[in-house]
Amino acid sequence: MTSCAQEIEEFRYRFLDGRVVLYRKINTACTYLDEQTDLFKAVYVPMQDSLPDYLAEAAARVKAQKEYFTGPLANDVFQFSPMPWLSYTHISHTISGKKDASTPIFDWGKYTVKDGKWLLPFSVQAHHSFVDGLHIAKLADSIQKRLDAF
């Protein structure tokens, strides 16, 4: 998903100190469930050149990070919040209300199978100054193509 969003320039724009900035590369921040406490960590994971390298880096960071939150997220991230426990048709997030809050948030839920098709709920929250329905449709198409090739 991150690679697909990286390819769409509009997902890499951010507000920074009152200016519009286009990042060349975006990293990730994701939630990770501590199954012993049912609490989540917000874990920063820099992008890697391959999926196996990324997964290894993510696993190492999850293990090393003891705090649940290490402070405000950097501006150069995509935020991910998977919810594999439920399937949904709509989700919304509370936001800080800051007009410069421009970091996209990607969610997906529990997949279901209907009429032989695998369905995965997926949602995107992005700043409308940069991302519109067209860009979200491009993202969905790119993700679908990668899933079809998998």
N, C-alpha and C. Protein backbone atom coordinates (compact mmCIF):
# COMPACT_ATOMS: atom_id res chain seq x y z
N MET A 1 0.82 -1.18 0.00
CA MET A 1 0.00 0.00 0.00
C MET A 1 0.87 1.26 0.00
N THR A 2 1.93 1.24 0.79
CA THR A 2 2.80 2.40 0.84
C THR A 2 3.44 2.68 -0.50
N SER A 3 3.90 1.64 -1.16
CA SER A 3 4.52 1.82 -2.48
C SER A 3 3.51 2.41 -3.46
N CYS A 4 2.28 1.98 -3.38
CA CYS A 4 1.24 2.51 -4.27
C CYS A 4 0.99 3.99 -3.98
N ALA A 5 0.89 4.35 -2.71
CA ALA A 5 0.67 5.76 -2.35
C ALA A 5 1.87 6.63 -2.70
N GLN A 6 3.08 6.07 -2.59
CA GLN A 6 4.29 6.82 -2.96
C GLN A 6 4.24 7.27 -4.42
N GLU A 7 3.65 6.43 -5.27
CA GLU A 7 3.62 6.71 -6.71
C GLU A 7 2.69 7.86 -7.06
N ILE A 8 1.80 8.24 -6.17
CA ILE A 8 0.83 9.30 -6.43
C ILE A 8 1.29 10.55 -5.69
N GLU A 9 1.77 11.51 -6.45
CA GLU A 9 2.40 12.71 -5.89
C GLU A 9 1.54 13.40 -4.84
N GLU A 10 0.25 13.48 -5.08
CA GLU A 10 -0.64 14.21 -4.18
C GLU A 10 -0.62 13.67 -2.75
N PHE A 11 -0.32 12.40 -2.58
CA PHE A 11 -0.23 11.82 -1.23
C PHE A 11 1.06 12.22 -0.52
N ARG A 12 2.00 12.81 -1.23
CA ARG A 12 3.28 13.18 -0.62
C ARG A 12 3.38 14.67 -0.28
N TYR A 13 2.32 15.43 -0.51
CA TYR A 13 2.30 16.84 -0.12
C TYR A 13 1.95 16.98 1.34
N ARG A 14 2.58 17.95 1.99
CA ARG A 14 2.28 18.26 3.38
C ARG A 14 2.37 19.77 3.59
N PHE A 15 1.70 20.24 4.63
CA PHE A 15 1.93 21.60 5.11
C PHE A 15 3.07 21.52 6.12
N LEU A 16 4.00 22.45 6.04
CA LEU A 16 5.12 22.52 6.98
C LEU A 16 5.44 23.99 7.22
N ASP A 17 5.23 24.43 8.45
CA ASP A 17 5.49 25.82 8.82
C ASP A 17 4.79 26.80 7.88
N GLY A 18 3.54 26.51 7.54
CA GLY A 18 2.75 27.40 6.71
C GLY A 18 3.04 27.31 5.22
N ARG A 19 3.93 26.43 4.84
CA ARG A 19 4.26 26.26 3.41
C ARG A 19 3.82 24.88 2.96
N VAL A 20 3.67 24.74 1.64
CA VAL A 20 3.38 23.44 1.05
C VAL A 20 4.70 22.80 0.64
N VAL A 21 4.89 21.56 1.08
CA VAL A 21 6.13 20.82 0.81
C VAL A 21 5.78 19.51 0.12
N LEU A 22 6.56 19.15 -0.90
CA LEU A 22 6.42 17.85 -1.55
C LEU A 22 7.59 16.99 -1.12
N TYR A 23 7.30 15.92 -0.40
CA TYR A 23 8.35 15.00 0.03
C TYR A 23 8.68 14.03 -1.09
N ARG A 24 9.95 13.75 -1.24
CA ARG A 24 10.40 12.79 -2.26
C ARG A 24 10.02 11.37 -1.85
N LYS A 25 10.16 11.09 -0.56
CA LYS A 25 9.87 9.75 -0.04
C LYS A 25 9.12 9.89 1.29
N ILE A 26 8.13 9.03 1.46
CA ILE A 26 7.35 9.02 2.69
C ILE A 26 7.62 7.71 3.43
N ASN A 27 7.77 7.81 4.74
CA ASN A 27 7.97 6.63 5.57
C ASN A 27 6.63 6.22 6.19
N THR A 28 6.64 5.33 7.14
CA THR A 28 5.38 4.84 7.69
C THR A 28 5.34 4.95 9.21
N ALA A 29 4.13 5.04 9.71
CA ALA A 29 3.85 4.94 11.14
C ALA A 29 2.62 4.05 11.25
N CYS A 30 2.72 3.02 12.05
CA CYS A 30 1.60 2.09 12.14
C CYS A 30 1.33 1.73 13.60
N THR A 31 0.12 1.28 13.82
CA THR A 31 -0.23 0.81 15.15
C THR A 31 0.17 -0.66 15.27
N TYR A 32 0.59 -1.02 16.46
CA TYR A 32 0.97 -2.40 16.74
C TYR A 32 0.35 -2.80 18.07
N LEU A 33 -0.40 -3.87 18.07
CA LEU A 33 -1.09 -4.34 19.28
C LEU A 33 -0.15 -5.16 20.16
N ASP A 34 -0.02 -4.73 21.41
CA ASP A 34 0.65 -5.53 22.42
C ASP A 34 -0.41 -6.49 22.97
N GLU A 35 -0.33 -7.75 22.59
CA GLU A 35 -1.38 -8.71 22.93
C GLU A 35 -1.46 -9.02 24.42
N GLN A 36 -0.41 -8.69 25.17
CA GLN A 36 -0.45 -8.93 26.62
C GLN A 36 -1.23 -7.85 27.35
N THR A 37 -1.28 -6.64 26.78
CA THR A 37 -1.96 -5.53 27.45
C THR A 37 -3.18 -5.01 26.69
N ASP A 38 -3.35 -5.44 25.44
CA ASP A 38 -4.40 -4.91 24.55
C ASP A 38 -4.24 -3.41 24.32
N LEU A 39 -3.03 -2.90 24.46
CA LEU A 39 -2.73 -1.51 24.15
C LEU A 39 -1.91 -1.46 22.86
N PHE A 40 -1.99 -0.32 22.19
CA PHE A 40 -1.30 -0.17 20.91
C PHE A 40 -0.10 0.75 21.02
N LYS A 41 0.94 0.39 20.29
CA LYS A 41 2.10 1.25 20.12
C LYS A 41 1.96 1.95 18.77
N ALA A 42 2.41 3.18 18.69
CA ALA A 42 2.53 3.87 17.41
C ALA A 42 4.00 3.74 17.02
N VAL A 43 4.29 2.97 15.98
CA VAL A 43 5.66 2.62 15.62
C VAL A 43 6.04 3.26 14.29
N TYR A 44 7.14 4.00 14.30
CA TYR A 44 7.69 4.61 13.09
C TYR A 44 8.59 3.60 12.39
N VAL A 45 8.37 3.39 11.09
CA VAL A 45 9.19 2.45 10.32
C VAL A 45 9.59 3.12 9.00
N PRO A 46 10.89 3.35 8.79
CA PRO A 46 11.31 3.93 7.52
C PRO A 46 11.11 2.95 6.37
N MET A 47 10.80 3.49 5.21
CA MET A 47 10.63 2.64 4.02
C MET A 47 11.95 1.95 3.70
N GLN A 48 11.83 0.77 3.12
CA GLN A 48 12.99 -0.01 2.70
C GLN A 48 12.82 -0.33 1.21
N ASP A 49 13.86 -0.87 0.60
CA ASP A 49 13.83 -1.15 -0.84
C ASP A 49 13.02 -2.38 -1.20
N SER A 50 12.78 -3.26 -0.24
CA SER A 50 12.02 -4.48 -0.54
C SER A 50 11.07 -4.77 0.62
N LEU A 51 10.03 -5.53 0.34
CA LEU A 51 9.07 -5.90 1.38
C LEU A 51 9.73 -6.74 2.49
N PRO A 52 10.57 -7.74 2.16
CA PRO A 52 11.23 -8.48 3.24
C PRO A 52 12.09 -7.58 4.14
N ASP A 53 12.80 -6.63 3.53
CA ASP A 53 13.62 -5.70 4.33
C ASP A 53 12.74 -4.82 5.22
N TYR A 54 11.62 -4.37 4.66
CA TYR A 54 10.69 -3.53 5.43
C TYR A 54 10.12 -4.32 6.62
N LEU A 55 9.69 -5.54 6.36
CA LEU A 55 9.12 -6.37 7.43
C LEU A 55 10.14 -6.64 8.53
N ALA A 56 11.39 -6.88 8.14
CA ALA A 56 12.44 -7.11 9.14
C ALA A 56 12.68 -5.85 9.96
N GLU A 57 12.71 -4.69 9.31
CA GLU A 57 12.90 -3.42 10.01
C GLU A 57 11.73 -3.15 10.96
N ALA A 58 10.51 -3.40 10.49
CA ALA A 58 9.33 -3.18 11.32
C ALA A 58 9.36 -4.09 12.55
N ALA A 59 9.69 -5.36 12.36
CA ALA A 59 9.75 -6.29 13.49
C ALA A 59 10.80 -5.86 14.51
N ALA A 60 11.95 -5.40 14.03
CA ALA A 60 13.01 -4.95 14.93
C ALA A 60 12.57 -3.71 15.72
N ARG A 61 11.90 -2.78 15.06
CA ARG A 61 11.47 -1.56 15.73
C ARG A 61 10.36 -1.83 16.75
N VAL A 62 9.44 -2.72 16.40
CA VAL A 62 8.37 -3.08 17.34
C VAL A 62 8.98 -3.69 18.61
N LYS A 63 9.94 -4.57 18.43
CA LYS A 63 10.58 -5.23 19.57
C LYS A 63 11.38 -4.24 20.42
N ALA A 64 12.08 -3.31 19.76
CA ALA A 64 12.94 -2.38 20.47
C ALA A 64 12.16 -1.27 21.18
N GLN A 65 11.02 -0.88 20.63
CA GLN A 65 10.27 0.25 21.19
C GLN A 65 9.47 -0.20 22.40
N LYS A 66 9.79 0.36 23.55
CA LYS A 66 9.09 0.01 24.79
C LYS A 66 7.91 0.94 25.07
N GLU A 67 8.00 2.19 24.61
CA GLU A 67 6.95 3.17 24.86
C GLU A 67 5.78 2.93 23.90
N TYR A 68 4.60 3.34 24.34
CA TYR A 68 3.44 3.23 23.45
C TYR A 68 3.44 4.37 22.44
N PHE A 69 3.84 5.55 22.89
CA PHE A 69 3.96 6.70 21.99
C PHE A 69 5.29 7.38 22.28
N THR A 70 6.01 7.68 21.23
CA THR A 70 7.34 8.29 21.40
C THR A 70 7.31 9.79 21.14
N GLY A 71 6.15 10.35 20.94
CA GLY A 71 6.02 11.78 20.66
C GLY A 71 5.27 12.00 19.37
N PRO A 72 5.14 13.24 18.96
CA PRO A 72 4.42 13.53 17.72
C PRO A 72 5.08 12.85 16.52
N LEU A 73 4.24 12.39 15.60
CA LEU A 73 4.76 11.77 14.38
C LEU A 73 5.40 12.82 13.49
N ALA A 74 6.38 12.39 12.74
CA ALA A 74 6.99 13.27 11.75
C ALA A 74 5.97 13.56 10.65
N ASN A 75 6.24 14.57 9.87
CA ASN A 75 5.35 14.97 8.78
C ASN A 75 5.47 14.04 7.57
N ASP A 76 6.60 13.36 7.46
CA ASP A 76 6.88 12.55 6.27
C ASP A 76 6.48 11.09 6.46
N VAL A 77 5.25 10.88 6.96
CA VAL A 77 4.78 9.50 7.15
C VAL A 77 3.39 9.33 6.55
N PHE A 78 3.11 8.07 6.22
CA PHE A 78 1.75 7.61 6.01
C PHE A 78 1.39 6.89 7.30
N GLN A 79 0.22 7.17 7.84
CA GLN A 79 -0.23 6.48 9.05
C GLN A 79 -1.12 5.31 8.67
N PHE A 80 -0.87 4.17 9.29
CA PHE A 80 -1.64 2.96 9.03
C PHE A 80 -2.27 2.46 10.32
N SER A 81 -3.54 2.08 10.22
CA SER A 81 -4.24 1.57 11.39
C SER A 81 -5.12 0.40 10.97
N PRO A 82 -4.53 -0.79 10.83
CA PRO A 82 -5.33 -1.96 10.44
C PRO A 82 -6.26 -2.39 11.57
N MET A 83 -7.43 -2.88 11.19
CA MET A 83 -8.41 -3.39 12.16
C MET A 83 -8.91 -4.75 11.68
N PRO A 84 -8.09 -5.79 11.81
CA PRO A 84 -8.46 -7.09 11.25
C PRO A 84 -9.58 -7.81 12.00
N TRP A 85 -10.10 -7.20 13.05
CA TRP A 85 -11.14 -7.84 13.87
C TRP A 85 -12.55 -7.57 13.36
N LEU A 86 -12.71 -6.57 12.49
CA LEU A 86 -14.06 -6.24 12.05
C LEU A 86 -14.08 -5.79 10.59
N SER A 87 -15.20 -6.07 9.98
CA SER A 87 -15.44 -5.58 8.64
C SER A 87 -16.35 -4.36 8.78
N TYR A 88 -16.19 -3.38 7.94
CA TYR A 88 -16.98 -2.16 8.08
C TYR A 88 -17.32 -1.58 6.71
N THR A 89 -18.27 -0.66 6.71
CA THR A 89 -18.61 0.05 5.48
C THR A 89 -18.22 1.52 5.57
N HIS A 90 -17.93 2.00 6.77
CA HIS A 90 -17.53 3.40 6.93
C HIS A 90 -16.74 3.53 8.22
N ILE A 91 -15.77 4.42 8.19
CA ILE A 91 -15.01 4.75 9.39
C ILE A 91 -14.59 6.21 9.29
N SER A 92 -14.51 6.87 10.42
CA SER A 92 -13.98 8.24 10.43
C SER A 92 -13.09 8.39 11.65
N HIS A 93 -12.18 9.34 11.56
CA HIS A 93 -11.23 9.59 12.65
C HIS A 93 -11.47 10.97 13.23
N THR A 94 -11.23 11.08 14.52
CA THR A 94 -11.18 12.41 15.09
C THR A 94 -9.82 12.99 14.72
N ILE A 95 -9.79 14.26 14.46
CA ILE A 95 -8.53 14.91 14.12
C ILE A 95 -8.32 16.10 15.05
N SER A 96 -7.12 16.60 15.07
CA SER A 96 -6.76 17.65 16.01
C SER A 96 -7.46 18.96 15.72
N GLY A 97 -7.96 19.15 14.51
CA GLY A 97 -8.57 20.41 14.14
C GLY A 97 -7.58 21.40 13.57
N LYS A 98 -6.31 21.04 13.59
CA LYS A 98 -5.31 21.92 13.00
C LYS A 98 -5.45 21.88 11.49
N LYS A 99 -5.53 23.05 10.87
CA LYS A 99 -5.72 23.09 9.42
C LYS A 99 -4.52 22.53 8.67
N ASP A 100 -3.36 22.51 9.32
CA ASP A 100 -2.15 21.99 8.67
C ASP A 100 -1.96 20.49 8.86
N ALA A 101 -2.88 19.81 9.54
CA ALA A 101 -2.78 18.36 9.73
C ALA A 101 -3.01 17.69 8.38
N SER A 102 -1.93 17.28 7.73
CA SER A 102 -2.05 16.82 6.34
C SER A 102 -1.49 15.43 6.10
N THR A 103 -1.24 14.68 7.17
CA THR A 103 -0.72 13.33 7.03
C THR A 103 -1.87 12.36 6.74
N PRO A 104 -1.83 11.65 5.60
CA PRO A 104 -2.89 10.69 5.29
C PRO A 104 -2.93 9.53 6.29
N ILE A 105 -4.14 9.05 6.53
CA ILE A 105 -4.34 7.88 7.38
C ILE A 105 -5.04 6.81 6.55
N PHE A 106 -4.48 5.61 6.56
CA PHE A 106 -5.03 4.49 5.80
C PHE A 106 -5.49 3.41 6.78
N ASP A 107 -6.70 2.93 6.58
CA ASP A 107 -7.26 1.87 7.43
C ASP A 107 -7.75 0.73 6.55
N TRP A 108 -7.69 -0.46 7.07
CA TRP A 108 -8.35 -1.59 6.43
C TRP A 108 -8.83 -2.52 7.52
N GLY A 109 -9.87 -3.27 7.18
CA GLY A 109 -10.49 -4.13 8.18
C GLY A 109 -10.41 -5.59 7.83
N LYS A 110 -11.31 -6.35 8.40
CA LYS A 110 -11.36 -7.80 8.22
C LYS A 110 -11.93 -8.12 6.84
N TYR A 111 -11.25 -8.99 6.12
CA TYR A 111 -11.75 -9.37 4.80
C TYR A 111 -12.90 -10.35 4.94
N THR A 112 -13.75 -10.37 3.94
CA THR A 112 -14.84 -11.33 3.85
C THR A 112 -14.83 -11.91 2.44
N VAL A 113 -15.49 -13.03 2.27
CA VAL A 113 -15.63 -13.64 0.94
C VAL A 113 -17.11 -13.64 0.60
N LYS A 114 -17.44 -13.07 -0.55
CA LYS A 114 -18.83 -13.01 -0.99
C LYS A 114 -18.89 -13.36 -2.47
N ASP A 115 -19.70 -14.34 -2.80
CA ASP A 115 -19.84 -14.79 -4.19
C ASP A 115 -18.49 -15.12 -4.81
N GLY A 116 -17.61 -15.73 -4.02
CA GLY A 116 -16.30 -16.13 -4.52
C GLY A 116 -15.29 -15.01 -4.63
N LYS A 117 -15.65 -13.80 -4.19
CA LYS A 117 -14.73 -12.66 -4.26
C LYS A 117 -14.28 -12.28 -2.85
N TRP A 118 -13.02 -11.95 -2.73
CA TRP A 118 -12.47 -11.49 -1.46
C TRP A 118 -12.70 -9.99 -1.38
N LEU A 119 -13.31 -9.55 -0.29
CA LEU A 119 -13.60 -8.14 -0.09
C LEU A 119 -12.86 -7.64 1.14
N LEU A 120 -12.21 -6.50 1.01
CA LEU A 120 -11.44 -5.93 2.11
C LEU A 120 -11.86 -4.47 2.30
N PRO A 121 -12.45 -4.15 3.45
CA PRO A 121 -12.80 -2.75 3.68
C PRO A 121 -11.52 -1.92 3.78
N PHE A 122 -11.55 -0.77 3.15
CA PHE A 122 -10.36 0.08 3.05
C PHE A 122 -10.83 1.53 3.08
N SER A 123 -10.16 2.36 3.86
CA SER A 123 -10.53 3.77 3.89
C SER A 123 -9.28 4.64 3.93
N VAL A 124 -9.45 5.85 3.43
CA VAL A 124 -8.36 6.82 3.36
C VAL A 124 -8.88 8.14 3.91
N GLN A 125 -8.13 8.72 4.82
CA GLN A 125 -8.41 10.09 5.26
C GLN A 125 -7.22 10.93 4.84
N ALA A 126 -7.48 11.97 4.05
CA ALA A 126 -6.40 12.81 3.55
C ALA A 126 -6.86 14.26 3.51
N HIS A 127 -5.91 15.17 3.50
CA HIS A 127 -6.23 16.60 3.44
C HIS A 127 -6.74 16.93 2.05
N HIS A 128 -7.93 17.52 1.99
CA HIS A 128 -8.58 17.78 0.71
C HIS A 128 -7.85 18.85 -0.10
N SER A 129 -6.94 19.60 0.51
CA SER A 129 -6.14 20.56 -0.27
C SER A 129 -5.21 19.86 -1.24
N PHE A 130 -4.89 18.60 -0.94
CA PHE A 130 -3.93 17.86 -1.76
C PHE A 130 -4.55 16.66 -2.47
N VAL A 131 -5.43 15.96 -1.79
CA VAL A 131 -5.95 14.68 -2.28
C VAL A 131 -7.45 14.78 -2.51
N ASP A 132 -7.88 14.32 -3.66
CA ASP A 132 -9.30 14.32 -4.02
C ASP A 132 -9.71 12.89 -4.35
N GLY A 133 -10.97 12.69 -4.67
CA GLY A 133 -11.47 11.37 -5.02
C GLY A 133 -10.71 10.72 -6.15
N LEU A 134 -10.28 11.51 -7.13
CA LEU A 134 -9.51 10.98 -8.26
C LEU A 134 -8.24 10.29 -7.77
N HIS A 135 -7.55 10.91 -6.83
CA HIS A 135 -6.28 10.36 -6.33
C HIS A 135 -6.52 9.10 -5.49
N ILE A 136 -7.62 9.09 -4.74
CA ILE A 136 -7.95 7.89 -3.97
C ILE A 136 -8.32 6.75 -4.91
N ALA A 137 -9.02 7.07 -6.00
CA ALA A 137 -9.35 6.04 -7.00
C ALA A 137 -8.08 5.50 -7.66
N LYS A 138 -7.12 6.37 -7.94
CA LYS A 138 -5.83 5.91 -8.50
C LYS A 138 -5.13 4.98 -7.52
N LEU A 139 -5.18 5.32 -6.25
CA LEU A 139 -4.58 4.47 -5.22
C LEU A 139 -5.27 3.11 -5.18
N ALA A 140 -6.59 3.12 -5.17
CA ALA A 140 -7.34 1.86 -5.13
C ALA A 140 -7.02 1.00 -6.35
N ASP A 141 -6.93 1.61 -7.53
CA ASP A 141 -6.58 0.87 -8.75
C ASP A 141 -5.19 0.26 -8.65
N SER A 142 -4.24 1.04 -8.13
CA SER A 142 -2.87 0.55 -8.00
C SER A 142 -2.79 -0.61 -7.02
N ILE A 143 -3.48 -0.48 -5.89
CA ILE A 143 -3.50 -1.57 -4.90
C ILE A 143 -4.13 -2.82 -5.50
N GLN A 144 -5.24 -2.65 -6.22
CA GLN A 144 -5.92 -3.80 -6.83
C GLN A 144 -5.01 -4.50 -7.82
N LYS A 145 -4.29 -3.74 -8.64
CA LYS A 145 -3.37 -4.35 -9.62
C LYS A 145 -2.29 -5.17 -8.92
N ARG A 146 -1.78 -4.65 -7.82
CA ARG A 146 -0.74 -5.41 -7.09
C ARG A 146 -1.33 -6.66 -6.44
N LEU A 147 -2.53 -6.55 -5.92
CA LEU A 147 -3.16 -7.74 -5.33
C LEU A 147 -3.46 -8.78 -6.40
N ASP A 148 -3.92 -8.34 -7.57
CA ASP A 148 -4.20 -9.27 -8.67
C ASP A 148 -2.94 -10.00 -9.12
N ALA A 149 -1.79 -9.32 -9.05
CA ALA A 149 -0.53 -9.92 -9.49
C ALA A 149 0.11 -10.80 -8.42
N PHE A 150 -0.40 -10.73 -7.21
CA PHE A 150 0.19 -11.43 -6.06
C PHE A 150 0.03 -12.91 -6.16
